[in-house]
């Protein structure tokens, strides 16, 4: 009986030691996907280049949201996810770049109004 208890204790200890490792691999696989949107080659105060930046955000957002959809982690409508990516990217821009984008949007609005 003593031998059985020792074997059972050893197996139980090894099983408990494996649980945290399994948890770590699940956490690594469940990491939030990340996208990076480059703007270093763009002048965001130029309306045409600001439009290129918006397309980059849209593409990155669609890529990220499709990945979340495939993995079953998308808890909002697809377009809502892409819009959230737009908001998050623009929120993380430095103040100067946010101001440049706003300037480009105003310039584009004036150009459209002039036509």
N, C-alpha and C. Protein backbone atom coordinates (compact mmCIF):
# COMPACT_ATOMS: atom_id res chain seq x y z
N UNK A 1 0.83 -1.19 0.00
CA UNK A 1 0.00 0.00 0.00
C UNK A 1 0.87 1.25 0.00
N UNK A 2 1.92 1.23 0.79
CA UNK A 2 2.82 2.37 0.87
C UNK A 2 3.44 2.68 -0.48
N UNK A 3 3.81 1.62 -1.22
CA UNK A 3 4.41 1.78 -2.54
C UNK A 3 3.40 2.43 -3.50
N UNK A 4 2.15 2.01 -3.42
CA UNK A 4 1.10 2.58 -4.26
C UNK A 4 0.91 4.07 -3.97
N UNK A 5 0.88 4.43 -2.69
CA UNK A 5 0.71 5.83 -2.30
C UNK A 5 1.88 6.67 -2.79
N UNK A 6 3.10 6.15 -2.70
CA UNK A 6 4.27 6.88 -3.18
C UNK A 6 4.19 7.09 -4.69
N UNK A 7 3.79 6.05 -5.42
CA UNK A 7 3.65 6.16 -6.88
C UNK A 7 2.57 7.18 -7.23
N UNK A 8 1.45 7.11 -6.53
CA UNK A 8 0.35 8.03 -6.77
C UNK A 8 0.78 9.47 -6.49
N UNK A 9 1.51 9.67 -5.39
CA UNK A 9 1.99 11.00 -5.03
C UNK A 9 2.95 11.53 -6.10
N UNK A 10 3.83 10.68 -6.59
CA UNK A 10 4.78 11.09 -7.63
C UNK A 10 4.04 11.49 -8.90
N UNK A 11 3.08 10.68 -9.33
CA UNK A 11 2.31 10.99 -10.53
C UNK A 11 1.53 12.29 -10.33
N UNK A 12 0.92 12.46 -9.18
CA UNK A 12 0.16 13.68 -8.90
C UNK A 12 1.08 14.90 -8.92
N UNK A 13 2.26 14.78 -8.36
CA UNK A 13 3.21 15.90 -8.35
C UNK A 13 3.65 16.25 -9.76
N UNK A 14 3.95 15.25 -10.57
CA UNK A 14 4.34 15.51 -11.95
C UNK A 14 3.20 16.13 -12.74
N UNK A 15 1.99 15.69 -12.50
CA UNK A 15 0.83 16.26 -13.19
C UNK A 15 0.66 17.73 -12.82
N UNK A 16 0.79 18.04 -11.55
CA UNK A 16 0.65 19.43 -11.11
C UNK A 16 1.77 20.30 -11.65
N UNK A 17 2.96 19.73 -11.79
CA UNK A 17 4.08 20.49 -12.34
C UNK A 17 3.84 20.82 -13.81
N UNK A 18 3.10 19.99 -14.53
CA UNK A 18 2.85 20.22 -15.95
C UNK A 18 1.78 21.28 -16.19
N UNK A 19 0.90 21.50 -15.25
CA UNK A 19 -0.20 22.44 -15.43
C UNK A 19 0.28 23.86 -15.71
N UNK A 20 1.22 24.43 -14.95
CA UNK A 20 1.66 25.78 -15.26
C UNK A 20 2.29 25.89 -16.65
N UNK A 21 3.00 24.88 -17.09
CA UNK A 21 3.59 24.91 -18.42
C UNK A 21 2.50 24.96 -19.48
N UNK A 22 1.45 24.15 -19.30
CA UNK A 22 0.34 24.20 -20.24
C UNK A 22 -0.31 25.57 -20.23
N UNK A 23 -0.45 26.16 -19.07
CA UNK A 23 -1.02 27.50 -18.97
C UNK A 23 -0.17 28.53 -19.70
N UNK A 24 1.14 28.40 -19.61
CA UNK A 24 2.03 29.34 -20.30
C UNK A 24 1.91 29.22 -21.80
N UNK A 25 1.82 28.00 -22.32
CA UNK A 25 1.70 27.85 -23.77
C UNK A 25 0.36 28.38 -24.25
N UNK A 26 -0.70 28.20 -23.47
CA UNK A 26 -1.99 28.75 -23.86
C UNK A 26 -1.94 30.27 -23.83
N UNK A 27 -1.30 30.85 -22.84
CA UNK A 27 -1.20 32.31 -22.76
C UNK A 27 -0.40 32.85 -23.94
N UNK A 28 0.66 32.15 -24.33
CA UNK A 28 1.47 32.61 -25.46
C UNK A 28 0.66 32.56 -26.74
N UNK A 29 -0.14 31.52 -26.92
CA UNK A 29 -0.96 31.40 -28.12
C UNK A 29 -2.13 32.37 -28.10
N UNK A 30 -2.58 32.76 -26.92
CA UNK A 30 -3.73 33.64 -26.81
C UNK A 30 -3.33 35.11 -26.79
N UNK A 31 -2.06 35.41 -27.02
CA UNK A 31 -1.61 36.80 -27.00
C UNK A 31 -2.38 37.61 -28.04
N UNK A 32 -2.69 38.82 -27.68
CA UNK A 32 -3.42 39.72 -28.56
C UNK A 32 -2.59 40.00 -29.81
N UNK A 33 -3.19 39.83 -31.00
CA UNK A 33 -2.44 40.14 -32.22
C UNK A 33 -2.09 41.62 -32.26
N UNK A 34 -0.97 41.92 -32.86
CA UNK A 34 -0.48 43.30 -32.93
C UNK A 34 -0.25 43.66 -34.39
N UNK A 35 -0.61 44.88 -34.76
CA UNK A 35 -0.29 45.38 -36.10
C UNK A 35 0.56 46.63 -35.96
N UNK A 36 1.40 46.83 -36.92
CA UNK A 36 2.22 48.03 -36.97
C UNK A 36 1.92 48.74 -38.29
N UNK A 37 1.68 50.04 -38.21
CA UNK A 37 1.38 50.83 -39.39
C UNK A 37 2.47 51.89 -39.51
N UNK A 38 3.23 51.79 -40.58
CA UNK A 38 4.35 52.71 -40.78
C UNK A 38 3.86 54.02 -41.41
N UNK A 39 4.42 55.11 -40.95
CA UNK A 39 4.12 56.42 -41.54
C UNK A 39 5.40 57.24 -41.70
N UNK A 40 6.55 56.66 -41.41
CA UNK A 40 7.80 57.42 -41.44
C UNK A 40 8.14 57.93 -42.84
N UNK A 41 7.61 57.28 -43.87
CA UNK A 41 7.89 57.70 -45.24
C UNK A 41 6.83 58.66 -45.78
N UNK A 42 5.90 59.08 -44.94
CA UNK A 42 4.78 59.91 -45.38
C UNK A 42 4.79 61.28 -44.71
N UNK A 43 4.30 62.26 -45.44
CA UNK A 43 4.05 63.59 -44.89
C UNK A 43 2.55 63.65 -44.64
N UNK A 44 2.15 63.47 -43.40
CA UNK A 44 0.73 63.33 -43.09
C UNK A 44 -0.06 64.63 -43.24
N UNK A 45 0.61 65.75 -43.43
CA UNK A 45 -0.12 66.99 -43.68
C UNK A 45 -0.51 67.12 -45.15
N UNK A 46 0.04 66.27 -46.00
CA UNK A 46 -0.31 66.23 -47.42
C UNK A 46 -1.54 65.32 -47.56
N UNK A 47 -2.64 65.84 -48.11
CA UNK A 47 -3.87 65.03 -48.20
C UNK A 47 -3.69 63.70 -48.93
N UNK A 48 -2.90 63.68 -50.00
CA UNK A 48 -2.70 62.44 -50.75
C UNK A 48 -1.94 61.41 -49.91
N UNK A 49 -0.93 61.87 -49.18
CA UNK A 49 -0.16 60.95 -48.35
C UNK A 49 -0.93 60.55 -47.09
N UNK A 50 -1.78 61.44 -46.60
CA UNK A 50 -2.65 61.08 -45.48
C UNK A 50 -3.63 59.98 -45.91
N UNK A 51 -4.08 60.06 -47.17
CA UNK A 51 -4.97 59.02 -47.69
C UNK A 51 -4.24 57.67 -47.78
N UNK A 52 -2.96 57.70 -48.16
CA UNK A 52 -2.16 56.47 -48.19
C UNK A 52 -2.08 55.88 -46.78
N UNK A 53 -1.88 56.74 -45.79
CA UNK A 53 -1.81 56.29 -44.40
C UNK A 53 -3.13 55.64 -43.98
N UNK A 54 -4.24 56.26 -44.36
CA UNK A 54 -5.56 55.71 -44.01
C UNK A 54 -5.75 54.33 -44.65
N UNK A 55 -5.27 54.16 -45.88
CA UNK A 55 -5.37 52.85 -46.55
C UNK A 55 -4.53 51.82 -45.80
N UNK A 56 -3.35 52.23 -45.34
CA UNK A 56 -2.49 51.32 -44.57
C UNK A 56 -3.20 50.88 -43.28
N UNK A 57 -3.85 51.83 -42.62
CA UNK A 57 -4.58 51.50 -41.39
C UNK A 57 -5.72 50.53 -41.71
N UNK A 58 -6.44 50.81 -42.79
CA UNK A 58 -7.56 49.95 -43.18
C UNK A 58 -7.08 48.53 -43.47
N UNK A 59 -5.99 48.41 -44.21
CA UNK A 59 -5.44 47.09 -44.54
C UNK A 59 -4.99 46.36 -43.28
N UNK A 60 -4.29 47.06 -42.41
CA UNK A 60 -3.83 46.44 -41.16
C UNK A 60 -5.02 46.03 -40.29
N UNK A 61 -6.04 46.88 -40.24
CA UNK A 61 -7.23 46.57 -39.46
C UNK A 61 -7.96 45.35 -39.98
N UNK A 62 -8.11 45.27 -41.30
CA UNK A 62 -8.77 44.10 -41.88
C UNK A 62 -7.97 42.83 -41.61
N UNK A 63 -6.64 42.92 -41.72
CA UNK A 63 -5.79 41.76 -41.45
C UNK A 63 -5.95 41.30 -40.00
N UNK A 64 -5.87 42.24 -39.07
CA UNK A 64 -6.00 41.91 -37.66
C UNK A 64 -7.37 41.33 -37.34
N UNK A 65 -8.41 41.96 -37.85
CA UNK A 65 -9.77 41.51 -37.53
C UNK A 65 -10.09 40.16 -38.17
N UNK A 66 -9.54 39.90 -39.36
CA UNK A 66 -9.71 38.57 -39.96
C UNK A 66 -9.04 37.50 -39.11
N UNK A 67 -7.84 37.82 -38.60
CA UNK A 67 -7.13 36.87 -37.74
C UNK A 67 -7.95 36.59 -36.48
N UNK A 68 -8.53 37.64 -35.89
CA UNK A 68 -9.36 37.45 -34.70
C UNK A 68 -10.63 36.66 -35.03
N UNK A 69 -11.18 36.90 -36.22
CA UNK A 69 -12.38 36.18 -36.64
C UNK A 69 -12.07 34.69 -36.82
N UNK A 70 -10.94 34.38 -37.46
CA UNK A 70 -10.55 32.98 -37.67
C UNK A 70 -10.31 32.26 -36.35
N UNK A 71 -9.72 32.97 -35.38
CA UNK A 71 -9.42 32.33 -34.09
C UNK A 71 -10.63 32.30 -33.15
N UNK A 72 -11.72 32.95 -33.55
CA UNK A 72 -12.91 32.97 -32.71
C UNK A 72 -12.87 34.01 -31.61
N UNK A 73 -11.92 34.96 -31.70
CA UNK A 73 -11.76 35.98 -30.66
C UNK A 73 -12.45 37.30 -31.00
N UNK A 74 -13.15 37.37 -32.11
CA UNK A 74 -13.79 38.62 -32.51
C UNK A 74 -15.12 38.73 -31.79
N UNK A 75 -15.23 39.71 -30.87
CA UNK A 75 -16.45 39.85 -30.07
C UNK A 75 -17.25 41.09 -30.45
N UNK A 76 -17.09 41.53 -31.70
CA UNK A 76 -17.83 42.68 -32.22
C UNK A 76 -17.99 42.49 -33.72
N UNK A 77 -18.82 43.27 -34.37
CA UNK A 77 -18.93 43.16 -35.82
C UNK A 77 -17.57 43.47 -36.48
N UNK A 78 -17.35 42.87 -37.65
CA UNK A 78 -16.07 43.02 -38.35
C UNK A 78 -15.74 44.49 -38.60
N UNK A 79 -16.68 45.25 -39.14
CA UNK A 79 -16.43 46.67 -39.44
C UNK A 79 -16.18 47.46 -38.15
N UNK A 80 -16.83 47.07 -37.07
CA UNK A 80 -16.57 47.72 -35.78
C UNK A 80 -15.15 47.47 -35.32
N UNK A 81 -14.66 46.26 -35.56
CA UNK A 81 -13.28 45.93 -35.21
C UNK A 81 -12.30 46.79 -36.01
N UNK A 82 -12.55 46.91 -37.32
CA UNK A 82 -11.67 47.72 -38.17
C UNK A 82 -11.71 49.18 -37.72
N UNK A 83 -12.89 49.68 -37.40
CA UNK A 83 -13.01 51.06 -36.91
C UNK A 83 -12.25 51.25 -35.61
N UNK A 84 -12.29 50.24 -34.74
CA UNK A 84 -11.55 50.30 -33.48
C UNK A 84 -10.04 50.35 -33.74
N UNK A 85 -9.58 49.62 -34.74
CA UNK A 85 -8.15 49.67 -35.11
C UNK A 85 -7.80 51.08 -35.57
N UNK A 86 -8.66 51.69 -36.40
CA UNK A 86 -8.43 53.07 -36.85
C UNK A 86 -8.28 54.00 -35.64
N UNK A 87 -9.22 53.90 -34.70
CA UNK A 87 -9.18 54.78 -33.52
C UNK A 87 -7.91 54.55 -32.71
N UNK A 88 -7.53 53.29 -32.53
CA UNK A 88 -6.37 52.97 -31.71
C UNK A 88 -5.07 53.45 -32.37
N UNK A 89 -4.96 53.27 -33.68
CA UNK A 89 -3.75 53.73 -34.39
C UNK A 89 -3.65 55.25 -34.28
N UNK A 90 -4.74 55.94 -34.54
CA UNK A 90 -4.70 57.41 -34.48
C UNK A 90 -4.47 57.90 -33.05
N UNK A 91 -4.97 57.17 -32.07
CA UNK A 91 -4.74 57.55 -30.67
C UNK A 91 -3.26 57.44 -30.31
N UNK A 92 -2.58 56.45 -30.88
CA UNK A 92 -1.18 56.22 -30.55
C UNK A 92 -0.21 57.09 -31.35
N UNK A 93 -0.73 57.82 -32.32
CA UNK A 93 0.14 58.72 -33.08
C UNK A 93 0.65 59.85 -32.18
N UNK A 94 1.87 60.30 -32.41
CA UNK A 94 2.34 61.49 -31.68
C UNK A 94 1.46 62.69 -32.03
N UNK A 95 1.42 63.65 -31.14
CA UNK A 95 0.56 64.83 -31.31
C UNK A 95 0.81 65.54 -32.64
N UNK A 96 2.06 65.68 -33.02
CA UNK A 96 2.39 66.38 -34.27
C UNK A 96 1.77 65.67 -35.48
N UNK A 97 1.80 64.34 -35.47
CA UNK A 97 1.22 63.59 -36.59
C UNK A 97 -0.30 63.67 -36.58
N UNK A 98 -0.91 63.68 -35.40
CA UNK A 98 -2.37 63.84 -35.33
C UNK A 98 -2.77 65.20 -35.88
N UNK A 99 -1.99 66.23 -35.54
CA UNK A 99 -2.28 67.57 -36.05
C UNK A 99 -2.08 67.63 -37.56
N UNK A 100 -1.06 66.94 -38.07
CA UNK A 100 -0.82 66.91 -39.52
C UNK A 100 -1.99 66.24 -40.23
N UNK A 101 -2.51 65.14 -39.67
CA UNK A 101 -3.67 64.48 -40.27
C UNK A 101 -4.89 65.40 -40.27
N UNK A 102 -5.09 66.11 -39.18
CA UNK A 102 -6.22 67.04 -39.11
C UNK A 102 -6.06 68.15 -40.15
N UNK A 103 -4.84 68.63 -40.32
CA UNK A 103 -4.55 69.66 -41.32
C UNK A 103 -4.85 69.13 -42.72
N UNK A 104 -4.45 67.90 -43.00
CA UNK A 104 -4.71 67.30 -44.31
C UNK A 104 -6.21 67.15 -44.54
N UNK A 105 -6.95 66.78 -43.51
CA UNK A 105 -8.40 66.63 -43.64
C UNK A 105 -9.05 67.98 -43.93
N UNK A 106 -8.58 69.03 -43.25
CA UNK A 106 -9.12 70.38 -43.51
C UNK A 106 -8.79 70.82 -44.94
N UNK A 107 -7.56 70.57 -45.38
CA UNK A 107 -7.14 70.96 -46.73
C UNK A 107 -7.98 70.22 -47.77
N UNK A 108 -8.26 68.97 -47.53
CA UNK A 108 -9.08 68.19 -48.46
C UNK A 108 -10.50 68.73 -48.48
N UNK A 109 -11.04 69.09 -47.32
CA UNK A 109 -12.40 69.63 -47.25
C UNK A 109 -12.48 70.95 -48.00
N UNK A 110 -11.47 71.79 -47.86
CA UNK A 110 -11.45 73.08 -48.57
C UNK A 110 -11.36 72.84 -50.07
N UNK A 111 -10.54 71.88 -50.47
CA UNK A 111 -10.39 71.56 -51.89
C UNK A 111 -11.71 71.09 -52.48
N UNK A 112 -12.42 70.24 -51.77
CA UNK A 112 -13.71 69.73 -52.24
C UNK A 112 -14.72 70.87 -52.31
N UNK A 113 -14.71 71.75 -51.32
CA UNK A 113 -15.65 72.87 -51.29
C UNK A 113 -15.37 73.85 -52.43
N UNK A 114 -14.10 73.99 -52.81
CA UNK A 114 -13.73 74.91 -53.88
C UNK A 114 -14.18 74.41 -55.24
N UNK A 115 -14.37 73.12 -55.37
CA UNK A 115 -14.79 72.56 -56.66
C UNK A 115 -16.25 72.77 -56.80
